[in-house]
Amino acid sequence: PGYNSCPIGSTFFNHKLLIMREMQSVTLKDVDQHKFVRAFATFLKKSGKLKVPEWVDLVKNGKHKELAPYDQDWYYTRCAALVRHIYFRSPIGVVQ
């Protein structure tokens, strides 16, 4: 009984083990930064857990800018970029 008694089962089991051995872990360093920030910004927007302040549409991105950002979702993009930045430079935060 078991996988060895059935030729199809043993082939399937051995194939699964081979695939599991070849799988490598993927970290944030392995992912394209633009794709991650776009995807995470979309996630933040769809999840609804991030409350966008009311003053966001009145703000500029820098003192050298004359107008507010054209992208309506720039706040989500900025937050996603900050999350990526903190991930690479952790431990970072407030310490007592």
N, C-alpha and C. Protein backbone atom coordinates (compact mmCIF):
# COMPACT_ATOMS: atom_id res chain seq x y z
N PRO A 1 0.83 -1.19 0.00
CA PRO A 1 0.00 0.00 0.00
C PRO A 1 0.87 1.25 0.00
N GLY A 2 0.26 2.33 -0.46
CA GLY A 2 0.99 3.60 -0.48
C GLY A 2 1.34 4.01 -1.89
N TYR A 3 2.21 4.97 -2.01
CA TYR A 3 2.57 5.50 -3.31
C TYR A 3 3.42 4.53 -4.12
N ASN A 4 4.20 3.68 -3.47
CA ASN A 4 5.09 2.78 -4.20
C ASN A 4 4.34 1.65 -4.89
N SER A 5 3.15 1.27 -4.39
CA SER A 5 2.42 0.17 -5.01
C SER A 5 1.70 0.61 -6.28
N CYS A 6 1.43 1.88 -6.42
CA CYS A 6 0.74 2.40 -7.60
C CYS A 6 1.72 3.21 -8.44
N PRO A 7 1.98 2.77 -9.69
CA PRO A 7 2.98 3.49 -10.49
C PRO A 7 2.59 4.94 -10.77
N ILE A 8 1.30 5.21 -10.92
CA ILE A 8 0.87 6.58 -11.19
C ILE A 8 1.07 7.43 -9.94
N GLY A 9 0.72 6.89 -8.77
CA GLY A 9 0.88 7.61 -7.52
C GLY A 9 2.33 7.92 -7.21
N SER A 10 3.22 6.95 -7.43
CA SER A 10 4.64 7.19 -7.14
C SER A 10 5.23 8.22 -8.09
N THR A 11 4.81 8.19 -9.35
CA THR A 11 5.30 9.19 -10.30
C THR A 11 4.83 10.58 -9.90
N PHE A 12 3.57 10.68 -9.53
CA PHE A 12 3.02 11.96 -9.10
C PHE A 12 3.74 12.46 -7.86
N PHE A 13 3.94 11.58 -6.88
CA PHE A 13 4.59 11.96 -5.63
C PHE A 13 6.03 12.41 -5.89
N ASN A 14 6.77 11.65 -6.69
CA ASN A 14 8.15 12.01 -7.00
C ASN A 14 8.22 13.33 -7.77
N HIS A 15 7.26 13.55 -8.66
CA HIS A 15 7.21 14.80 -9.42
C HIS A 15 6.96 15.98 -8.48
N LYS A 16 6.06 15.79 -7.51
CA LYS A 16 5.78 16.85 -6.53
C LYS A 16 7.03 17.16 -5.70
N LEU A 17 7.76 16.13 -5.29
CA LEU A 17 8.98 16.35 -4.53
C LEU A 17 10.02 17.10 -5.35
N LEU A 18 10.13 16.76 -6.63
CA LEU A 18 11.07 17.43 -7.51
C LEU A 18 10.72 18.90 -7.67
N ILE A 19 9.44 19.19 -7.83
CA ILE A 19 9.00 20.59 -7.95
C ILE A 19 9.28 21.34 -6.65
N MET A 20 9.02 20.71 -5.51
CA MET A 20 9.23 21.38 -4.23
C MET A 20 10.71 21.67 -4.00
N ARG A 21 11.59 20.80 -4.48
CA ARG A 21 13.03 21.03 -4.33
C ARG A 21 13.49 22.20 -5.19
N GLU A 22 12.88 22.36 -6.36
CA GLU A 22 13.29 23.41 -7.28
C GLU A 22 12.71 24.78 -6.93
N MET A 23 11.68 24.82 -6.09
CA MET A 23 11.06 26.10 -5.73
C MET A 23 12.00 26.89 -4.83
N GLN A 24 12.13 28.15 -5.13
CA GLN A 24 12.96 29.02 -4.31
C GLN A 24 12.07 30.10 -3.71
N SER A 25 12.50 30.60 -2.58
CA SER A 25 11.72 31.66 -1.96
C SER A 25 11.94 32.97 -2.71
N VAL A 26 10.93 33.79 -2.72
CA VAL A 26 10.99 35.08 -3.40
C VAL A 26 10.82 36.16 -2.34
N THR A 27 11.73 37.12 -2.35
CA THR A 27 11.63 38.24 -1.42
C THR A 27 11.29 39.50 -2.20
N LEU A 28 11.13 40.56 -1.48
CA LEU A 28 10.79 41.84 -2.10
C LEU A 28 11.94 42.35 -2.97
N LYS A 29 13.16 41.92 -2.66
CA LYS A 29 14.32 42.32 -3.46
C LYS A 29 14.30 41.69 -4.85
N ASP A 30 13.59 40.58 -5.00
CA ASP A 30 13.54 39.87 -6.27
C ASP A 30 12.47 40.42 -7.21
N VAL A 31 11.57 41.24 -6.70
CA VAL A 31 10.44 41.74 -7.48
C VAL A 31 10.77 43.13 -8.01
N ASP A 32 10.32 43.42 -9.22
CA ASP A 32 10.51 44.74 -9.81
C ASP A 32 9.81 45.78 -8.93
N GLN A 33 10.54 46.84 -8.57
CA GLN A 33 10.00 47.82 -7.63
C GLN A 33 8.77 48.54 -8.16
N HIS A 34 8.73 48.83 -9.44
CA HIS A 34 7.58 49.54 -10.01
C HIS A 34 6.32 48.67 -9.98
N LYS A 35 6.50 47.38 -10.30
CA LYS A 35 5.35 46.47 -10.27
C LYS A 35 4.83 46.29 -8.85
N PHE A 36 5.76 46.18 -7.89
CA PHE A 36 5.33 46.01 -6.50
C PHE A 36 4.57 47.23 -6.00
N VAL A 37 5.13 48.41 -6.24
CA VAL A 37 4.49 49.63 -5.73
C VAL A 37 3.12 49.81 -6.36
N ARG A 38 3.00 49.56 -7.66
CA ARG A 38 1.70 49.67 -8.33
C ARG A 38 0.69 48.68 -7.74
N ALA A 39 1.14 47.44 -7.58
CA ALA A 39 0.24 46.39 -7.07
C ALA A 39 -0.15 46.66 -5.62
N PHE A 40 0.80 47.08 -4.80
CA PHE A 40 0.50 47.32 -3.39
C PHE A 40 -0.37 48.57 -3.23
N ALA A 41 -0.17 49.57 -4.07
CA ALA A 41 -1.03 50.76 -4.03
C ALA A 41 -2.46 50.38 -4.40
N THR A 42 -2.62 49.52 -5.37
CA THR A 42 -3.95 49.04 -5.75
C THR A 42 -4.59 48.27 -4.60
N PHE A 43 -3.79 47.44 -3.93
CA PHE A 43 -4.29 46.70 -2.77
C PHE A 43 -4.74 47.64 -1.67
N LEU A 44 -3.93 48.66 -1.38
CA LEU A 44 -4.29 49.62 -0.33
C LEU A 44 -5.60 50.33 -0.66
N LYS A 45 -5.78 50.67 -1.93
CA LYS A 45 -6.99 51.37 -2.33
C LYS A 45 -8.22 50.46 -2.23
N LYS A 46 -8.08 49.22 -2.71
CA LYS A 46 -9.22 48.30 -2.71
C LYS A 46 -9.58 47.81 -1.32
N SER A 47 -8.59 47.67 -0.44
CA SER A 47 -8.87 47.14 0.90
C SER A 47 -9.65 48.13 1.76
N GLY A 48 -9.46 49.42 1.52
CA GLY A 48 -10.19 50.42 2.28
C GLY A 48 -9.69 50.62 3.70
N LYS A 49 -8.54 50.05 4.03
CA LYS A 49 -8.00 50.17 5.38
C LYS A 49 -7.18 51.44 5.58
N LEU A 50 -6.82 52.08 4.49
CA LEU A 50 -6.03 53.30 4.56
C LEU A 50 -6.95 54.49 4.35
N LYS A 51 -7.06 55.32 5.36
CA LYS A 51 -7.92 56.49 5.27
C LYS A 51 -7.10 57.64 4.68
N VAL A 52 -7.56 58.17 3.57
CA VAL A 52 -6.87 59.27 2.91
C VAL A 52 -7.33 60.58 3.56
N PRO A 53 -6.38 61.40 4.02
CA PRO A 53 -6.76 62.67 4.64
C PRO A 53 -7.47 63.60 3.66
N GLU A 54 -8.27 64.50 4.20
CA GLU A 54 -9.05 65.41 3.35
C GLU A 54 -8.17 66.41 2.61
N TRP A 55 -7.03 66.75 3.17
CA TRP A 55 -6.17 67.77 2.60
C TRP A 55 -5.30 67.28 1.45
N VAL A 56 -5.39 66.01 1.11
CA VAL A 56 -4.49 65.42 0.10
C VAL A 56 -4.60 66.11 -1.26
N ASP A 57 -5.78 66.51 -1.66
CA ASP A 57 -5.93 67.11 -2.99
C ASP A 57 -5.44 68.56 -3.03
N LEU A 58 -5.07 69.13 -1.90
CA LEU A 58 -4.56 70.50 -1.85
C LEU A 58 -3.04 70.59 -1.75
N VAL A 59 -2.39 69.45 -1.65
CA VAL A 59 -0.96 69.39 -1.35
C VAL A 59 -0.10 69.23 -2.60
N LYS A 60 1.11 69.77 -2.54
CA LYS A 60 2.11 69.55 -3.59
C LYS A 60 3.08 68.48 -3.10
N ASN A 61 3.81 67.87 -4.02
CA ASN A 61 4.78 66.84 -3.64
C ASN A 61 6.14 67.41 -3.25
N GLY A 62 6.38 68.66 -3.52
CA GLY A 62 7.66 69.27 -3.17
C GLY A 62 7.58 70.77 -3.27
N LYS A 63 8.56 71.45 -2.67
CA LYS A 63 8.49 72.91 -2.68
C LYS A 63 8.78 73.49 -4.05
N HIS A 64 9.43 72.72 -4.91
CA HIS A 64 9.72 73.19 -6.27
C HIS A 64 8.55 72.97 -7.23
N LYS A 65 7.52 72.28 -6.79
CA LYS A 65 6.34 72.02 -7.63
C LYS A 65 5.36 73.18 -7.56
N GLU A 66 4.67 73.41 -8.66
CA GLU A 66 3.66 74.47 -8.68
C GLU A 66 2.24 73.92 -8.49
N LEU A 67 2.02 72.68 -8.94
CA LEU A 67 0.68 72.10 -8.89
C LEU A 67 0.67 70.81 -8.07
N ALA A 68 -0.52 70.42 -7.70
CA ALA A 68 -0.69 69.13 -7.03
C ALA A 68 -0.47 68.00 -8.04
N PRO A 69 -0.22 66.78 -7.59
CA PRO A 69 -0.01 65.66 -8.51
C PRO A 69 -1.23 65.42 -9.41
N TYR A 70 -0.96 64.99 -10.64
CA TYR A 70 -2.04 64.70 -11.60
C TYR A 70 -2.77 63.41 -11.26
N ASP A 71 -2.03 62.46 -10.71
CA ASP A 71 -2.62 61.16 -10.38
C ASP A 71 -3.53 61.29 -9.16
N GLN A 72 -4.77 60.87 -9.29
CA GLN A 72 -5.72 60.94 -8.19
C GLN A 72 -5.35 60.00 -7.04
N ASP A 73 -4.63 58.92 -7.37
CA ASP A 73 -4.27 57.91 -6.37
C ASP A 73 -2.82 58.04 -5.91
N TRP A 74 -2.25 59.23 -6.00
CA TRP A 74 -0.84 59.40 -5.66
C TRP A 74 -0.56 59.09 -4.19
N TYR A 75 -1.53 59.31 -3.33
CA TYR A 75 -1.33 59.06 -1.90
C TYR A 75 -1.10 57.56 -1.64
N TYR A 76 -1.86 56.71 -2.32
CA TYR A 76 -1.68 55.26 -2.19
C TYR A 76 -0.32 54.84 -2.72
N THR A 77 0.09 55.43 -3.83
CA THR A 77 1.39 55.11 -4.41
C THR A 77 2.51 55.51 -3.47
N ARG A 78 2.39 56.67 -2.87
CA ARG A 78 3.40 57.16 -1.93
C ARG A 78 3.48 56.26 -0.71
N CYS A 79 2.34 55.85 -0.19
CA CYS A 79 2.32 54.95 0.97
C CYS A 79 2.93 53.59 0.64
N ALA A 80 2.65 53.08 -0.55
CA ALA A 80 3.23 51.80 -0.96
C ALA A 80 4.74 51.91 -1.10
N ALA A 81 5.22 53.02 -1.63
CA ALA A 81 6.67 53.23 -1.76
C ALA A 81 7.32 53.34 -0.38
N LEU A 82 6.64 53.97 0.56
CA LEU A 82 7.18 54.07 1.92
C LEU A 82 7.23 52.71 2.60
N VAL A 83 6.24 51.87 2.37
CA VAL A 83 6.25 50.52 2.94
C VAL A 83 7.45 49.75 2.40
N ARG A 84 7.70 49.85 1.11
CA ARG A 84 8.86 49.18 0.51
C ARG A 84 10.16 49.72 1.10
N HIS A 85 10.25 51.01 1.26
CA HIS A 85 11.44 51.66 1.83
C HIS A 85 11.70 51.18 3.26
N ILE A 86 10.65 51.11 4.06
CA ILE A 86 10.78 50.66 5.44
C ILE A 86 11.17 49.19 5.50
N TYR A 87 10.65 48.38 4.59
CA TYR A 87 10.99 46.96 4.55
C TYR A 87 12.49 46.76 4.36
N PHE A 88 13.09 47.53 3.47
CA PHE A 88 14.51 47.37 3.18
C PHE A 88 15.40 47.94 4.29
N ARG A 89 14.92 48.90 5.02
CA ARG A 89 15.74 49.54 6.04
C ARG A 89 15.31 49.19 7.45
N SER A 90 14.61 48.09 7.63
CA SER A 90 14.17 47.70 8.96
C SER A 90 15.36 47.15 9.76
N PRO A 91 15.41 47.21 11.03
CA PRO A 91 14.40 47.75 11.92
C PRO A 91 14.43 49.27 11.93
N ILE A 92 13.28 49.83 11.73
CA ILE A 92 13.13 51.28 11.71
C ILE A 92 11.84 51.59 12.44
N GLY A 93 11.81 52.67 13.15
CA GLY A 93 10.59 53.03 13.86
C GLY A 93 10.89 53.79 15.13
N VAL A 94 9.91 53.84 15.99
CA VAL A 94 10.03 54.58 17.24
C VAL A 94 10.44 53.60 18.34
N VAL A 95 11.49 53.94 19.07
CA VAL A 95 11.98 53.09 20.14
C VAL A 95 11.93 53.87 21.44
N GLN A 96 11.52 53.21 22.51
CA GLN A 96 11.49 53.88 23.82
C GLN A 96 12.64 53.44 24.67
